[in-house]
Amino acid sequence: MARKKKQLILTQPVRKGIKAIKVRLDQRTVITLSDLKKLAFWKERYPQAEVIP
């Protein structure tokens, strides 16, 4: 007997009190960070990383 496929969730869950910070590392790559302290780590690897609204 066939099983019903699960529906894909394509959005991130909304967390109360935590705002995700989007960072563009290069032309194609965008990541989300939960804390600005982690931005320093990514700036070392990608000097042209920028925070996007």
PDB file of N, CA and C in Angstrom:
ATOM      1  N   MET A   1       0.837  -1.172   0.000  1.00  0.00           N
ATOM      2  CA  MET A   1       0.000   0.000   0.000  1.00  0.00           C
ATOM      3  C   MET A   1       0.888   1.243   0.000  1.00  0.00           C
ATOM      4  N   ALA A   2       0.556   2.199  -0.826  1.00  0.00           N
ATOM      5  CA  ALA A   2       1.361   3.413  -0.966  1.00  0.00           C
ATOM      6  C   ALA A   2       1.160   4.344   0.226  1.00  0.00           C
ATOM      7  N   ARG A   3       2.219   5.045   0.581  1.00  0.00           N
ATOM      8  CA  ARG A   3       2.152   6.009   1.675  1.00  0.00           C
ATOM      9  C   ARG A   3       2.035   7.419   1.118  1.00  0.00           C
ATOM     10  N   LYS A   4       1.367   8.261   1.863  1.00  0.00           N
ATOM     11  CA  LYS A   4       1.199   9.646   1.449  1.00  0.00           C
ATOM     12  C   LYS A   4       2.512  10.399   1.619  1.00  0.00           C
ATOM     13  N   LYS A   5       2.914  11.182   0.620  1.00  0.00           N
ATOM     14  CA  LYS A   5       4.147  11.953   0.689  1.00  0.00           C
ATOM     15  C   LYS A   5       3.980  13.132   1.634  1.00  0.00           C
ATOM     16  N   LYS A   6       5.042  13.441   2.367  1.00  0.00           N
ATOM     17  CA  LYS A   6       5.018  14.604   3.244  1.00  0.00           C
ATOM     18  C   LYS A   6       5.173  15.874   2.422  1.00  0.00           C
ATOM     19  N   GLN A   7       4.505  16.929   2.850  1.00  0.00           N
ATOM     20  CA  GLN A   7       4.602  18.196   2.145  1.00  0.00           C
ATOM     21  C   GLN A   7       5.885  18.906   2.564  1.00  0.00           C
ATOM     22  N   LEU A   8       6.639  19.430   1.599  1.00  0.00           N
ATOM     23  CA  LEU A   8       7.890  20.122   1.880  1.00  0.00           C
ATOM     24  C   LEU A   8       7.622  21.486   2.507  1.00  0.00           C
ATOM     25  N   ILE A   9       8.460  21.857   3.465  1.00  0.00           N
ATOM     26  CA  ILE A   9       8.394  23.176   4.080  1.00  0.00           C
ATOM     27  C   ILE A   9       9.544  23.992   3.504  1.00  0.00           C
ATOM     28  N   LEU A  10       9.225  25.044   2.757  1.00  0.00           N
ATOM     29  CA  LEU A  10      10.249  25.802   2.048  1.00  0.00           C
ATOM     30  C   LEU A  10      10.613  27.113   2.732  1.00  0.00           C
ATOM     31  N   THR A  11      10.059  27.385   3.896  1.00  0.00           N
ATOM     32  CA  THR A  11      10.387  28.608   4.618  1.00  0.00           C
ATOM     33  C   THR A  11      10.950  28.249   5.986  1.00  0.00           C
ATOM     34  N   GLN A  12      11.716  29.176   6.556  1.00  0.00           N
ATOM     35  CA  GLN A  12      12.282  28.941   7.871  1.00  0.00           C
ATOM     36  C   GLN A  12      11.227  29.166   8.938  1.00  0.00           C
ATOM     37  N   PRO A  13      11.292  28.430  10.027  1.00  0.00           N
ATOM     38  CA  PRO A  13      10.330  28.650  11.107  1.00  0.00           C
ATOM     39  C   PRO A  13      10.547  30.008  11.760  1.00  0.00           C
ATOM     40  N   VAL A  14       9.463  30.630  12.199  1.00  0.00           N
ATOM     41  CA  VAL A  14       9.539  31.935  12.834  1.00  0.00           C
ATOM     42  C   VAL A  14       9.818  31.727  14.312  1.00  0.00           C
ATOM     43  N   ARG A  15      10.877  32.360  14.812  1.00  0.00           N
ATOM     44  CA  ARG A  15      11.244  32.235  16.217  1.00  0.00           C
ATOM     45  C   ARG A  15      10.946  33.548  16.911  1.00  0.00           C
ATOM     46  N   LYS A  16      10.383  33.461  18.084  1.00  0.00           N
ATOM     47  CA  LYS A  16      10.027  34.666  18.828  1.00  0.00           C
ATOM     48  C   LYS A  16      11.280  35.296  19.424  1.00  0.00           C
ATOM     49  N   GLY A  17      11.438  36.592  19.216  1.00  0.00           N
ATOM     50  CA  GLY A  17      12.545  37.332  19.814  1.00  0.00           C
ATOM     51  C   GLY A  17      13.868  37.231  19.081  1.00  0.00           C
ATOM     52  N   ILE A  18      13.980  36.360  18.102  1.00  0.00           N
ATOM     53  CA  ILE A  18      15.233  36.200  17.362  1.00  0.00           C
ATOM     54  C   ILE A  18      14.989  36.620  15.922  1.00  0.00           C
ATOM     55  N   LYS A  19      15.729  37.626  15.473  1.00  0.00           N
ATOM     56  CA  LYS A  19      15.594  38.077  14.096  1.00  0.00           C
ATOM     57  C   LYS A  19      16.775  37.545  13.294  1.00  0.00           C
ATOM     58  N   ALA A  20      16.493  36.891  12.200  1.00  0.00           N
ATOM     59  CA  ALA A  20      17.540  36.356  11.343  1.00  0.00           C
ATOM     60  C   ALA A  20      18.190  37.488  10.560  1.00  0.00           C
ATOM     61  N   ILE A  21      19.492  37.414  10.409  1.00  0.00           N
ATOM     62  CA  ILE A  21      20.268  38.422   9.692  1.00  0.00           C
ATOM     63  C   ILE A  21      20.758  37.778   8.398  1.00  0.00           C
ATOM     64  N   LYS A  22      20.387  38.355   7.273  1.00  0.00           N
ATOM     65  CA  LYS A  22      20.815  37.817   5.980  1.00  0.00           C
ATOM     66  C   LYS A  22      22.135  38.462   5.580  1.00  0.00           C
ATOM     67  N   VAL A  23      23.060  37.621   5.126  1.00  0.00           N
ATOM     68  CA  VAL A  23      24.395  38.080   4.728  1.00  0.00           C
ATOM     69  C   VAL A  23      24.698  37.520   3.347  1.00  0.00           C
ATOM     70  N   ARG A  24      25.124  38.388   2.435  1.00  0.00           N
ATOM     71  CA  ARG A  24      25.539  37.954   1.100  1.00  0.00           C
ATOM     72  C   ARG A  24      27.048  37.763   1.131  1.00  0.00           C
ATOM     73  N   LEU A  25      27.482  36.504   0.952  1.00  0.00           N
ATOM     74  CA  LEU A  25      28.911  36.198   0.986  1.00  0.00           C
ATOM     75  C   LEU A  25      29.577  36.512  -0.348  1.00  0.00           C
ATOM     76  N   ASP A  26      28.944  36.114  -1.415  1.00  0.00           N
ATOM     77  CA  ASP A  26      29.435  36.440  -2.749  1.00  0.00           C
ATOM     78  C   ASP A  26      28.223  36.649  -3.647  1.00  0.00           C
ATOM     79  N   GLN A  27      28.430  36.667  -4.927  1.00  0.00           N
ATOM     80  CA  GLN A  27      27.353  37.004  -5.856  1.00  0.00           C
ATOM     81  C   GLN A  27      26.170  36.029  -5.770  1.00  0.00           C
ATOM     82  N   ARG A  28      26.454  34.748  -5.503  1.00  0.00           N
ATOM     83  CA  ARG A  28      25.392  33.745  -5.509  1.00  0.00           C
ATOM     84  C   ARG A  28      24.970  33.251  -4.131  1.00  0.00           C
ATOM     85  N   THR A  29      25.779  33.468  -3.108  1.00  0.00           N
ATOM     86  CA  THR A  29      25.564  32.827  -1.828  1.00  0.00           C
ATOM     87  C   THR A  29      25.010  33.791  -0.789  1.00  0.00           C
ATOM     88  N   VAL A  30      23.864  33.432  -0.221  1.00  0.00           N
ATOM     89  CA  VAL A  30      23.244  34.201   0.857  1.00  0.00           C
ATOM     90  C   VAL A  30      23.027  33.247   2.028  1.00  0.00           C
ATOM     91  N   ILE A  31      23.462  33.657   3.225  1.00  0.00           N
ATOM     92  CA  ILE A  31      23.263  32.848   4.420  1.00  0.00           C
ATOM     93  C   ILE A  31      22.481  33.655   5.441  1.00  0.00           C
ATOM     94  N   THR A  32      21.913  32.981   6.422  1.00  0.00           N
ATOM     95  CA  THR A  32      21.231  33.665   7.511  1.00  0.00           C
ATOM     96  C   THR A  32      21.963  33.376   8.811  1.00  0.00           C
ATOM     97  N   LEU A  33      22.151  34.413   9.593  1.00  0.00           N
ATOM     98  CA  LEU A  33      22.821  34.298  10.886  1.00  0.00           C
ATOM     99  C   LEU A  33      21.843  34.670  11.992  1.00  0.00           C
ATOM    100  N   SER A  34      22.019  34.057  13.145  1.00  0.00           N
ATOM    101  CA  SER A  34      21.144  34.376  14.265  1.00  0.00           C
ATOM    102  C   SER A  34      21.761  35.440  15.167  1.00  0.00           C
ATOM    103  N   ASP A  35      23.056  35.722  14.977  1.00  0.00           N
ATOM    104  CA  ASP A  35      23.744  36.644  15.869  1.00  0.00           C
ATOM    105  C   ASP A  35      24.799  37.419  15.078  1.00  0.00           C
ATOM    106  N   LEU A  36      24.934  38.710  15.364  1.00  0.00           N
ATOM    107  CA  LEU A  36      25.935  39.529  14.665  1.00  0.00           C
ATOM    108  C   LEU A  36      27.358  39.138  15.041  1.00  0.00           C
ATOM    109  N   LYS A  37      27.552  38.481  16.171  1.00  0.00           N
ATOM    110  CA  LYS A  37      28.893  38.055  16.569  1.00  0.00           C
ATOM    111  C   LYS A  37      29.467  37.041  15.583  1.00  0.00           C
ATOM    112  N   LYS A  38      28.613  36.284  14.954  1.00  0.00           N
ATOM    113  CA  LYS A  38      29.056  35.279  13.994  1.00  0.00           C
ATOM    114  C   LYS A  38      29.473  35.888  12.665  1.00  0.00           C
ATOM    115  N   LEU A  39      29.113  37.149  12.455  1.00  0.00           N
ATOM    116  CA  LEU A  39      29.477  37.829  11.216  1.00  0.00           C
ATOM    117  C   LEU A  39      30.990  37.994  11.101  1.00  0.00           C
ATOM    118  N   ALA A  40      31.668  38.197  12.215  1.00  0.00           N
ATOM    119  CA  ALA A  40      33.133  38.355  12.202  1.00  0.00           C
ATOM    120  C   ALA A  40      33.814  37.108  11.635  1.00  0.00           C
ATOM    121  N   PHE A  41      33.304  35.929  11.972  1.00  0.00           N
ATOM    122  CA  PHE A  41      33.855  34.675  11.450  1.00  0.00           C
ATOM    123  C   PHE A  41      33.755  34.628   9.930  1.00  0.00           C
ATOM    124  N   TRP A  42      32.593  35.013   9.408  1.00  0.00           N
ATOM    125  CA  TRP A  42      32.381  34.972   7.965  1.00  0.00           C
ATOM    126  C   TRP A  42      33.152  36.071   7.249  1.00  0.00           C
ATOM    127  N   LYS A  43      33.378  37.204   7.912  1.00  0.00           N
ATOM    128  CA  LYS A  43      34.161  38.292   7.309  1.00  0.00           C
ATOM    129  C   LYS A  43      35.611  37.871   7.095  1.00  0.00           C
ATOM    130  N   GLU A  44      36.139  36.988   7.941  1.00  0.00           N
ATOM    131  CA  GLU A  44      37.504  36.491   7.761  1.00  0.00           C
ATOM    132  C   GLU A  44      37.614  35.675   6.475  1.00  0.00           C
ATOM    133  N   ARG A  45      36.632  34.848   6.228  1.00  0.00           N
ATOM    134  CA  ARG A  45      36.662  33.982   5.043  1.00  0.00           C
ATOM    135  C   ARG A  45      36.209  34.693   3.775  1.00  0.00           C
ATOM    136  N   TYR A  46      35.257  35.604   3.922  1.00  0.00           N
ATOM    137  CA  TYR A  46      34.713  36.358   2.794  1.00  0.00           C
ATOM    138  C   TYR A  46      34.791  37.849   3.130  1.00  0.00           C
ATOM    139  N   PRO A  47      35.893  38.520   2.791  1.00  0.00           N
ATOM    140  CA  PRO A  47      36.062  39.934   3.151  1.00  0.00           C
ATOM    141  C   PRO A  47      34.992  40.857   2.552  1.00  0.00           C
ATOM    142  N   GLN A  48      34.376  40.467   1.455  1.00  0.00           N
ATOM    143  CA  GLN A  48      33.374  41.329   0.828  1.00  0.00           C
ATOM    144  C   GLN A  48      31.958  40.986   1.267  1.00  0.00           C
ATOM    145  N   ALA A  49      31.811  40.212   2.345  1.00  0.00           N
ATOM    146  CA  ALA A  49      30.477  39.870   2.853  1.00  0.00           C
ATOM    147  C   ALA A  49      29.762  41.121   3.307  1.00  0.00           C
ATOM    148  N   GLU A  50      28.451  41.183   3.032  1.00  0.00           N
ATOM    149  CA  GLU A  50      27.672  42.369   3.408  1.00  0.00           C
ATOM    150  C   GLU A  50      26.313  41.947   3.934  1.00  0.00           C
ATOM    151  N   VAL A  51      25.809  42.694   4.903  1.00  0.00           N
ATOM    152  CA  VAL A  51      24.488  42.452   5.458  1.00  0.00           C
ATOM    153  C   VAL A  51      23.455  43.040   4.519  1.00  0.00           C
ATOM    154  N   ILE A  52      22.434  42.259   4.189  1.00  0.00           N
ATOM    155  CA  ILE A  52      21.396  42.749   3.292  1.00  0.00           C
ATOM    156  C   ILE A  52      20.089  42.854   4.072  1.00  0.00           C
ATOM    157  N   PRO A  53      19.241  43.821   3.718  1.00  0.00           N
ATOM    158  CA  PRO A  53      17.974  43.995   4.454  1.00  0.00           C
ATOM    159  C   PRO A  53      16.958  42.924   4.148  1.00  0.00           C
TER     160      PRO A  53
END
